[in-house]
Amino acid sequence: SGDIVIARTGASTGENAYIYIPPKAVFASYLVRLQFDNIGYSRIVSLFLRDSQYKEFIQGVIGGSAQPNASAQALSSFKWLFVSFSG
């Protein structure tokens, strides 16, 4: 629970899902799995992955001539800046 999966190949490259109830096992070489120690961070990142900025970023890193694809490194190379305010 709390993992994020991102499609790395095909027409759905960059599409992602936040996992609320995980299955017992999944094997899919076309998925990238993101894990966080803090489930709060995971939820924030999952919301960001739905943002148009990330979708534009994905369009810039997609390669392949026959079928769109992106490496795990490319999908996770977006520069993130999180600021925490407390008071």
PDB file of N, CA and C in Angstrom:
ATOM      1  N   SER A   1       0.840  -1.186   0.000  1.00  0.00           N
ATOM      2  CA  SER A   1       0.000   0.000   0.000  1.00  0.00           C
ATOM      3  C   SER A   1       0.883   1.246   0.000  1.00  0.00           C
ATOM      4  N   GLY A   2       0.544   2.202  -0.852  1.00  0.00           N
ATOM      5  CA  GLY A   2       1.319   3.430  -0.926  1.00  0.00           C
ATOM      6  C   GLY A   2       2.332   3.464  -2.056  1.00  0.00           C
ATOM      7  N   ASP A   3       2.534   2.343  -2.734  1.00  0.00           N
ATOM      8  CA  ASP A   3       3.432   2.338  -3.887  1.00  0.00           C
ATOM      9  C   ASP A   3       2.766   3.066  -5.049  1.00  0.00           C
ATOM     10  N   ILE A   4       3.584   3.514  -5.980  1.00  0.00           N
ATOM     11  CA  ILE A   4       3.100   4.140  -7.204  1.00  0.00           C
ATOM     12  C   ILE A   4       3.688   3.341  -8.352  1.00  0.00           C
ATOM     13  N   VAL A   5       2.876   3.027  -9.347  1.00  0.00           N
ATOM     14  CA  VAL A   5       3.376   2.366 -10.546  1.00  0.00           C
ATOM     15  C   VAL A   5       3.183   3.302 -11.728  1.00  0.00           C
ATOM     16  N   ILE A   6       4.191   3.314 -12.622  1.00  0.00           N
ATOM     17  CA  ILE A   6       4.163   4.168 -13.806  1.00  0.00           C
ATOM     18  C   ILE A   6       4.441   3.297 -15.029  1.00  0.00           C
ATOM     19  N   ALA A   7       3.604   3.437 -16.060  1.00  0.00           N
ATOM     20  CA  ALA A   7       3.811   2.698 -17.312  1.00  0.00           C
ATOM     21  C   ALA A   7       5.001   3.303 -18.049  1.00  0.00           C
ATOM     22  N   ARG A   8       5.886   2.449 -18.543  1.00  0.00           N
ATOM     23  CA  ARG A   8       7.078   2.958 -19.211  1.00  0.00           C
ATOM     24  C   ARG A   8       7.130   2.628 -20.693  1.00  0.00           C
ATOM     25  N   THR A   9       6.090   2.009 -21.222  1.00  0.00           N
ATOM     26  CA  THR A   9       6.095   1.675 -22.642  1.00  0.00           C
ATOM     27  C   THR A   9       4.680   1.684 -23.205  1.00  0.00           C
ATOM     28  N   GLY A  10       4.581   1.906 -24.488  1.00  0.00           N
ATOM     29  CA  GLY A  10       3.289   1.898 -25.165  1.00  0.00           C
ATOM     30  C   GLY A  10       2.605   3.249 -25.130  1.00  0.00           C
ATOM     31  N   ALA A  11       1.378   3.259 -25.608  1.00  0.00           N
ATOM     32  CA  ALA A  11       0.607   4.500 -25.674  1.00  0.00           C
ATOM     33  C   ALA A  11       0.329   5.089 -24.290  1.00  0.00           C
ATOM     34  N   SER A  12       0.439   4.271 -23.260  1.00  0.00           N
ATOM     35  CA  SER A  12       0.151   4.744 -21.901  1.00  0.00           C
ATOM     36  C   SER A  12       1.412   5.162 -21.137  1.00  0.00           C
ATOM     37  N   THR A  13       2.536   5.345 -21.833  1.00  0.00           N
ATOM     38  CA  THR A  13       3.777   5.747 -21.159  1.00  0.00           C
ATOM     39  C   THR A  13       3.537   6.985 -20.299  1.00  0.00           C
ATOM     40  N   GLY A  14       3.904   6.893 -19.028  1.00  0.00           N
ATOM     41  CA  GLY A  14       3.728   7.993 -18.086  1.00  0.00           C
ATOM     42  C   GLY A  14       2.465   7.899 -17.262  1.00  0.00           C
ATOM     43  N   GLU A  15       1.488   7.109 -17.716  1.00  0.00           N
ATOM     44  CA  GLU A  15       0.277   6.921 -16.911  1.00  0.00           C
ATOM     45  C   GLU A  15       0.676   6.230 -15.620  1.00  0.00           C
ATOM     46  N   ASN A  16       0.002   6.560 -14.540  1.00  0.00           N
ATOM     47  CA  ASN A  16       0.417   6.044 -13.249  1.00  0.00           C
ATOM     48  C   ASN A  16      -0.766   5.803 -12.343  1.00  0.00           C
ATOM     49  N   ALA A  17      -0.514   5.033 -11.282  1.00  0.00           N
ATOM     50  CA  ALA A  17      -1.558   4.715 -10.314  1.00  0.00           C
ATOM     51  C   ALA A  17      -0.955   4.632  -8.924  1.00  0.00           C
ATOM     52  N   TYR A  18      -1.685   5.141  -7.968  1.00  0.00           N
ATOM     53  CA  TYR A  18      -1.339   5.023  -6.551  1.00  0.00           C
ATOM     54  C   TYR A  18      -2.024   3.757  -6.054  1.00  0.00           C
ATOM     55  N   ILE A  19      -1.287   2.873  -5.418  1.00  0.00           N
ATOM     56  CA  ILE A  19      -1.826   1.586  -4.985  1.00  0.00           C
ATOM     57  C   ILE A  19      -2.368   1.692  -3.555  1.00  0.00           C
ATOM     58  N   TYR A  20      -3.683   1.551  -3.424  1.00  0.00           N
ATOM     59  CA  TYR A  20      -4.323   1.570  -2.103  1.00  0.00           C
ATOM     60  C   TYR A  20      -4.337   0.172  -1.491  1.00  0.00           C
ATOM     61  N   ILE A  21      -4.757  -0.798  -2.277  1.00  0.00           N
ATOM     62  CA  ILE A  21      -4.832  -2.182  -1.805  1.00  0.00           C
ATOM     63  C   ILE A  21      -3.995  -3.024  -2.761  1.00  0.00           C
ATOM     64  N   PRO A  22      -2.793  -3.395  -2.339  1.00  0.00           N
ATOM     65  CA  PRO A  22      -1.898  -4.110  -3.255  1.00  0.00           C
ATOM     66  C   PRO A  22      -2.328  -5.556  -3.484  1.00  0.00           C
ATOM     67  N   PRO A  23      -2.085  -6.047  -4.702  1.00  0.00           N
ATOM     68  CA  PRO A  23      -2.294  -7.479  -4.953  1.00  0.00           C
ATOM     69  C   PRO A  23      -1.162  -8.266  -4.297  1.00  0.00           C
ATOM     70  N   LYS A  24      -1.282  -9.572  -4.250  1.00  0.00           N
ATOM     71  CA  LYS A  24      -0.228 -10.391  -3.646  1.00  0.00           C
ATOM     72  C   LYS A  24       1.062 -10.319  -4.434  1.00  0.00           C
ATOM     73  N   ALA A  25       0.969 -10.252  -5.758  1.00  0.00           N
ATOM     74  CA  ALA A  25       2.170 -10.182  -6.590  1.00  0.00           C
ATOM     75  C   ALA A  25       1.818  -9.606  -7.956  1.00  0.00           C
ATOM     76  N   VAL A  26       2.792  -8.917  -8.538  1.00  0.00           N
ATOM     77  CA  VAL A  26       2.650  -8.376  -9.888  1.00  0.00           C
ATOM     78  C   VAL A  26       4.001  -8.493 -10.572  1.00  0.00           C
ATOM     79  N   PHE A  27       3.993  -8.979 -11.795  1.00  0.00           N
ATOM     80  CA  PHE A  27       5.204  -8.911 -12.606  1.00  0.00           C
ATOM     81  C   PHE A  27       4.828  -8.255 -13.913  1.00  0.00           C
ATOM     82  N   ALA A  28       5.424  -7.134 -14.161  1.00  0.00           N
ATOM     83  CA  ALA A  28       5.165  -6.420 -15.403  1.00  0.00           C
ATOM     84  C   ALA A  28       6.414  -5.612 -15.720  1.00  0.00           C
ATOM     85  N   SER A  29       7.159  -6.036 -16.711  1.00  0.00           N
ATOM     86  CA  SER A  29       8.409  -5.352 -17.041  1.00  0.00           C
ATOM     87  C   SER A  29       8.164  -3.963 -17.609  1.00  0.00           C
ATOM     88  N   TYR A  30       6.925  -3.642 -17.954  1.00  0.00           N
ATOM     89  CA  TYR A  30       6.610  -2.331 -18.504  1.00  0.00           C
ATOM     90  C   TYR A  30       6.180  -1.335 -17.422  1.00  0.00           C
ATOM     91  N   LEU A  31       6.259  -1.716 -16.163  1.00  0.00           N
ATOM     92  CA  LEU A  31       5.899  -0.822 -15.064  1.00  0.00           C
ATOM     93  C   LEU A  31       7.131  -0.451 -14.242  1.00  0.00           C
ATOM     94  N   VAL A  32       7.150   0.783 -13.784  1.00  0.00           N
ATOM     95  CA  VAL A  32       8.160   1.254 -12.844  1.00  0.00           C
ATOM     96  C   VAL A  32       7.451   1.414 -11.508  1.00  0.00           C
ATOM     97  N   ARG A  33       8.071   0.925 -10.450  1.00  0.00           N
ATOM     98  CA  ARG A  33       7.463   1.004  -9.114  1.00  0.00           C
ATOM     99  C   ARG A  33       8.239   2.003  -8.271  1.00  0.00           C
ATOM    100  N   LEU A  34       7.528   2.959  -7.703  1.00  0.00           N
ATOM    101  CA  LEU A  34       8.130   3.924  -6.780  1.00  0.00           C
ATOM    102  C   LEU A  34       7.668   3.580  -5.372  1.00  0.00           C
ATOM    103  N   GLN A  35       8.610   3.573  -4.447  1.00  0.00           N
ATOM    104  CA  GLN A  35       8.304   3.319  -3.034  1.00  0.00           C
ATOM    105  C   GLN A  35       8.884   4.441  -2.192  1.00  0.00           C
ATOM    106  N   PHE A  36       8.186   4.785  -1.141  1.00  0.00           N
ATOM    107  CA  PHE A  36       8.628   5.833  -0.229  1.00  0.00           C
ATOM    108  C   PHE A  36       8.555   5.315   1.198  1.00  0.00           C
ATOM    109  N   ASP A  37       9.490   5.759   2.035  1.00  0.00           N
ATOM    110  CA  ASP A  37       9.455   5.381   3.444  1.00  0.00           C
ATOM    111  C   ASP A  37       8.272   6.023   4.152  1.00  0.00           C
ATOM    112  N   ASN A  38       7.878   7.199   3.694  1.00  0.00           N
ATOM    113  CA  ASN A  38       6.792   7.945   4.308  1.00  0.00           C
ATOM    114  C   ASN A  38       5.599   7.926   3.357  1.00  0.00           C
ATOM    115  N   ILE A  39       4.500   7.339   3.782  1.00  0.00           N
ATOM    116  CA  ILE A  39       3.326   7.226   2.913  1.00  0.00           C
ATOM    117  C   ILE A  39       2.752   8.605   2.566  1.00  0.00           C
ATOM    118  N   GLY A  40       3.001   9.591   3.404  1.00  0.00           N
ATOM    119  CA  GLY A  40       2.570  10.952   3.098  1.00  0.00           C
ATOM    120  C   GLY A  40       3.272  11.491   1.862  1.00  0.00           C
ATOM    121  N   TYR A  41       4.574  11.225   1.742  1.00  0.00           N
ATOM    122  CA  TYR A  41       5.319  11.634   0.551  1.00  0.00           C
ATOM    123  C   TYR A  41       4.785  10.924  -0.686  1.00  0.00           C
ATOM    124  N   SER A  42       4.496   9.658  -0.517  1.00  0.00           N
ATOM    125  CA  SER A  42       3.970   8.868  -1.623  1.00  0.00           C
ATOM    126  C   SER A  42       2.674   9.476  -2.150  1.00  0.00           C
ATOM    127  N   ARG A  43       1.814   9.876  -1.257  1.00  0.00           N
ATOM    128  CA  ARG A  43       0.522  10.457  -1.667  1.00  0.00           C
ATOM    129  C   ARG A  43       0.742  11.794  -2.376  1.00  0.00           C
ATOM    130  N   ILE A  44       1.647  12.615  -1.876  1.00  0.00           N
ATOM    131  CA  ILE A  44       1.946  13.908  -2.509  1.00  0.00           C
ATOM    132  C   ILE A  44       2.510  13.690  -3.908  1.00  0.00           C
ATOM    133  N   VAL A  45       3.451  12.761  -4.031  1.00  0.00           N
ATOM    134  CA  VAL A  45       4.048  12.481  -5.339  1.00  0.00           C
ATOM    135  C   VAL A  45       2.988  11.945  -6.300  1.00  0.00           C
ATOM    136  N   SER A  46       2.104  11.089  -5.821  1.00  0.00           N
ATOM    137  CA  SER A  46       1.069  10.544  -6.700  1.00  0.00           C
ATOM    138  C   SER A  46       0.168  11.649  -7.244  1.00  0.00           C
ATOM    139  N   LEU A  47      -0.111  12.646  -6.447  1.00  0.00           N
ATOM    140  CA  LEU A  47      -0.916  13.776  -6.916  1.00  0.00           C
ATOM    141  C   LEU A  47      -0.146  14.587  -7.952  1.00  0.00           C
ATOM    142  N   PHE A  48       1.136  14.798  -7.710  1.00  0.00           N
ATOM    143  CA  PHE A  48       1.954  15.546  -8.650  1.00  0.00           C
ATOM    144  C   PHE A  48       2.043  14.839 -10.002  1.00  0.00           C
ATOM    145  N   LEU A  49       2.118  13.499  -9.987  1.00  0.00           N
ATOM    146  CA  LEU A  49       2.226  12.742 -11.226  1.00  0.00           C
ATOM    147  C   LEU A  49       1.001  12.882 -12.114  1.00  0.00           C
ATOM    148  N   ARG A  50      -0.066  13.436 -11.578  1.00  0.00           N
ATOM    149  CA  ARG A  50      -1.283  13.700 -12.356  1.00  0.00           C
ATOM    150  C   ARG A  50      -1.287  15.118 -12.939  1.00  0.00           C
ATOM    151  N   ASP A  51      -0.300  15.910 -12.574  1.00  0.00           N
ATOM    152  CA  ASP A  51      -0.238  17.309 -12.989  1.00  0.00           C
ATOM    153  C   ASP A  51       0.224  17.441 -14.442  1.00  0.00           C
ATOM    154  N   SER A  52      -0.213  18.489 -15.103  1.00  0.00           N
ATOM    155  CA  SER A  52       0.145  18.716 -16.505  1.00  0.00           C
ATOM    156  C   SER A  52       1.649  18.927 -16.682  1.00  0.00           C
ATOM    157  N   GLN A  53       2.341  19.472 -15.685  1.00  0.00           N
ATOM    158  CA  GLN A  53       3.799  19.658 -15.801  1.00  0.00           C
ATOM    159  C   GLN A  53       4.515  18.321 -15.954  1.00  0.00           C
ATOM    160  N   TYR A  54       4.101  17.331 -15.183  1.00  0.00           N
ATOM    161  CA  TYR A  54       4.725  16.018 -15.303  1.00  0.00           C
ATOM    162  C   TYR A  54       4.380  15.390 -16.650  1.00  0.00           C
ATOM    163  N   LYS A  55       3.152  15.546 -17.083  1.00  0.00           N
ATOM    164  CA  LYS A  55       2.750  14.989 -18.377  1.00  0.00           C
ATOM    165  C   LYS A  55       3.536  15.628 -19.518  1.00  0.00           C
ATOM    166  N   GLU A  56       3.789  16.914 -19.439  1.00  0.00           N
ATOM    167  CA  GLU A  56       4.622  17.591 -20.445  1.00  0.00           C
ATOM    168  C   GLU A  56       6.058  17.061 -20.390  1.00  0.00           C
ATOM    169  N   PHE A  57       6.565  16.864 -19.190  1.00  0.00           N
ATOM    170  CA  PHE A  57       7.903  16.305 -19.006  1.00  0.00           C
ATOM    171  C   PHE A  57       7.999  14.931 -19.678  1.00  0.00           C
ATOM    172  N   ILE A  58       7.004  14.085 -19.465  1.00  0.00           N
ATOM    173  CA  ILE A  58       6.988  12.741 -20.046  1.00  0.00           C
ATOM    174  C   ILE A  58       7.071  12.816 -21.567  1.00  0.00           C
ATOM    175  N   GLN A  59       6.322  13.723 -22.163  1.00  0.00           N
ATOM    176  CA  GLN A  59       6.355  13.863 -23.620  1.00  0.00           C
ATOM    177  C   GLN A  59       7.762  14.184 -24.110  1.00  0.00           C
ATOM    178  N   GLY A  60       8.544  14.880 -23.303  1.00  0.00           N
ATOM    179  CA  GLY A  60       9.907  15.229 -23.674  1.00  0.00           C
ATOM    180  C   GLY A  60      10.917  14.103 -23.520  1.00  0.00           C
ATOM    181  N   VAL A  61      10.614  13.095 -22.693  1.00  0.00           N
ATOM    182  CA  VAL A  61      11.578  12.007 -22.470  1.00  0.00           C
ATOM    183  C   VAL A  61      11.209  10.724 -23.200  1.00  0.00           C
ATOM    184  N   ILE A  62      10.039  10.684 -23.817  1.00  0.00           N
ATOM    185  CA  ILE A  62       9.621   9.482 -24.542  1.00  0.00           C
ATOM    186  C   ILE A  62      10.500   9.297 -25.768  1.00  0.00           C
ATOM    187  N   GLY A  63      10.937   8.075 -25.967  1.00  0.00           N
ATOM    188  CA  GLY A  63      11.718   7.718 -27.145  1.00  0.00           C
ATOM    189  C   GLY A  63      11.065   6.548 -27.849  1.00  0.00           C
ATOM    190  N   GLY A  64      11.732   6.035 -28.840  1.00  0.00           N
ATOM    191  CA  GLY A  64      11.228   4.875 -29.576  1.00  0.00           C
ATOM    192  C   GLY A  64      10.510   5.290 -30.837  1.00  0.00           C
ATOM    193  N   SER A  65      10.751   4.563 -31.894  1.00  0.00           N
ATOM    194  CA  SER A  65      10.104   4.899 -33.153  1.00  0.00           C
ATOM    195  C   SER A  65       8.865   4.043 -33.393  1.00  0.00           C
ATOM    196  N   ALA A  66       8.939   2.752 -33.103  1.00  0.00           N
ATOM    197  CA  ALA A  66       7.792   1.870 -33.328  1.00  0.00           C
ATOM    198  C   ALA A  66       6.786   1.946 -32.184  1.00  0.00           C
ATOM    199  N   GLN A  67       7.290   2.015 -30.969  1.00  0.00           N
ATOM    200  CA  GLN A  67       6.425   2.060 -29.790  1.00  0.00           C
ATOM    201  C   GLN A  67       7.034   3.023 -28.783  1.00  0.00           C
ATOM    202  N   PRO A  68       6.239   3.977 -28.287  1.00  0.00           N
ATOM    203  CA  PRO A  68       6.776   4.926 -27.304  1.00  0.00           C
ATOM    204  C   PRO A  68       7.284   4.196 -26.059  1.00  0.00           C
ATOM    205  N   ASN A  69       8.364   4.704 -25.475  1.00  0.00           N
ATOM    206  CA  ASN A  69       8.863   4.122 -24.234  1.00  0.00           C
ATOM    207  C   ASN A  69       9.755   5.131 -23.526  1.00  0.00           C
ATOM    208  N   ALA A  70       9.977   4.878 -22.262  1.00  0.00           N
ATOM    209  CA  ALA A  70      10.875   5.695 -21.450  1.00  0.00           C
ATOM    210  C   ALA A  70      11.485   4.797 -20.386  1.00  0.00           C
ATOM    211  N   SER A  71      12.738   5.018 -20.078  1.00  0.00           N
ATOM    212  CA  SER A  71      13.405   4.217 -19.052  1.00  0.00           C
ATOM    213  C   SER A  71      12.928   4.638 -17.663  1.00  0.00           C
ATOM    214  N   ALA A  72      13.193   3.774 -16.702  1.00  0.00           N
ATOM    215  CA  ALA A  72      12.861   4.105 -15.314  1.00  0.00           C
ATOM    216  C   ALA A  72      13.608   5.352 -14.873  1.00  0.00           C
ATOM    217  N   GLN A  73      14.864   5.465 -15.312  1.00  0.00           N
ATOM    218  CA  GLN A  73      15.666   6.635 -14.957  1.00  0.00           C
ATOM    219  C   GLN A  73      15.037   7.906 -15.529  1.00  0.00           C
ATOM    220  N   ALA A  74      14.577   7.848 -16.767  1.00  0.00           N
ATOM    221  CA  ALA A  74      13.961   9.023 -17.387  1.00  0.00           C
ATOM    222  C   ALA A  74      12.656   9.395 -16.696  1.00  0.00           C
ATOM    223  N   LEU A  75      11.826   8.395 -16.392  1.00  0.00           N
ATOM    224  CA  LEU A  75      10.531   8.664 -15.755  1.00  0.00           C
ATOM    225  C   LEU A  75      10.685   9.271 -14.369  1.00  0.00           C
ATOM    226  N   SER A  76      11.763   8.928 -13.690  1.00  0.00           N
ATOM    227  CA  SER A  76      11.947   9.426 -12.322  1.00  0.00           C
ATOM    228  C   SER A  76      12.967  10.555 -12.237  1.00  0.00           C
ATOM    229  N   SER A  77      13.373  11.112 -13.370  1.00  0.00           N
ATOM    230  CA  SER A  77      14.406  12.153 -13.351  1.00  0.00           C
ATOM    231  C   SER A  77      13.859  13.573 -13.263  1.00  0.00           C
ATOM    232  N   PHE A  78      12.557  13.715 -13.144  1.00  0.00           N
ATOM    233  CA  PHE A  78      11.978  15.050 -12.989  1.00  0.00           C
ATOM    234  C   PHE A  78      12.523  15.663 -11.701  1.00  0.00           C
ATOM    235  N   LYS A  79      12.890  16.920 -11.749  1.00  0.00           N
ATOM    236  CA  LYS A  79      13.437  17.591 -10.559  1.00  0.00           C
ATOM    237  C   LYS A  79      12.285  18.054  -9.677  1.00  0.00           C
ATOM    238  N   TRP A  80      12.279  17.565  -8.463  1.00  0.00           N
ATOM    239  CA  TRP A  80      11.195  17.831  -7.520  1.00  0.00           C
ATOM    240  C   TRP A  80      11.705  18.766  -6.433  1.00  0.00           C
ATOM    241  N   LEU A  81      10.885  19.684  -6.038  1.00  0.00           N
ATOM    242  CA  LEU A  81      11.201  20.562  -4.930  1.00  0.00           C
ATOM    243  C   LEU A  81       9.995  20.601  -4.002  1.00  0.00           C
ATOM    244  N   PHE A  82      10.184  20.101  -2.797  1.00  0.00           N
ATOM    245  CA  PHE A  82       9.133  20.122  -1.794  1.00  0.00           C
ATOM    246  C   PHE A  82       9.576  21.019  -0.663  1.00  0.00           C
ATOM    247  N   VAL A  83       8.717  21.895  -0.266  1.00  0.00           N
ATOM    248  CA  VAL A  83       9.005  22.819   0.817  1.00  0.00           C
ATOM    249  C   VAL A  83       8.044  22.502   1.953  1.00  0.00           C
ATOM    250  N   SER A  84       8.575  22.346   3.124  1.00  0.00           N
ATOM    251  CA  SER A  84       7.753  22.066   4.284  1.00  0.00           C
ATOM    252  C   SER A  84       7.712  23.289   5.191  1.00  0.00           C
ATOM    253  N   PHE A  85       6.524  23.667   5.541  1.00  0.00           N
ATOM    254  CA  PHE A  85       6.342  24.789   6.459  1.00  0.00           C
ATOM    255  C   PHE A  85       5.799  24.278   7.776  1.00  0.00           C
ATOM    256  N   SER A  86       6.375  24.704   8.858  1.00  0.00           N
ATOM    257  CA  SER A  86       5.843  24.334  10.166  1.00  0.00           C
ATOM    258  C   SER A  86       5.762  25.591  11.032  1.00  0.00           C
ATOM    259  N   GLY A  87       4.876  25.560  11.906  1.00  0.00           N
ATOM    260  CA  GLY A  87       4.789  26.751  12.734  1.00  0.00           C
ATOM    261  C   GLY A  87       3.776  26.709  13.782  1.00  0.00           C
TER     262      GLY A  87
END
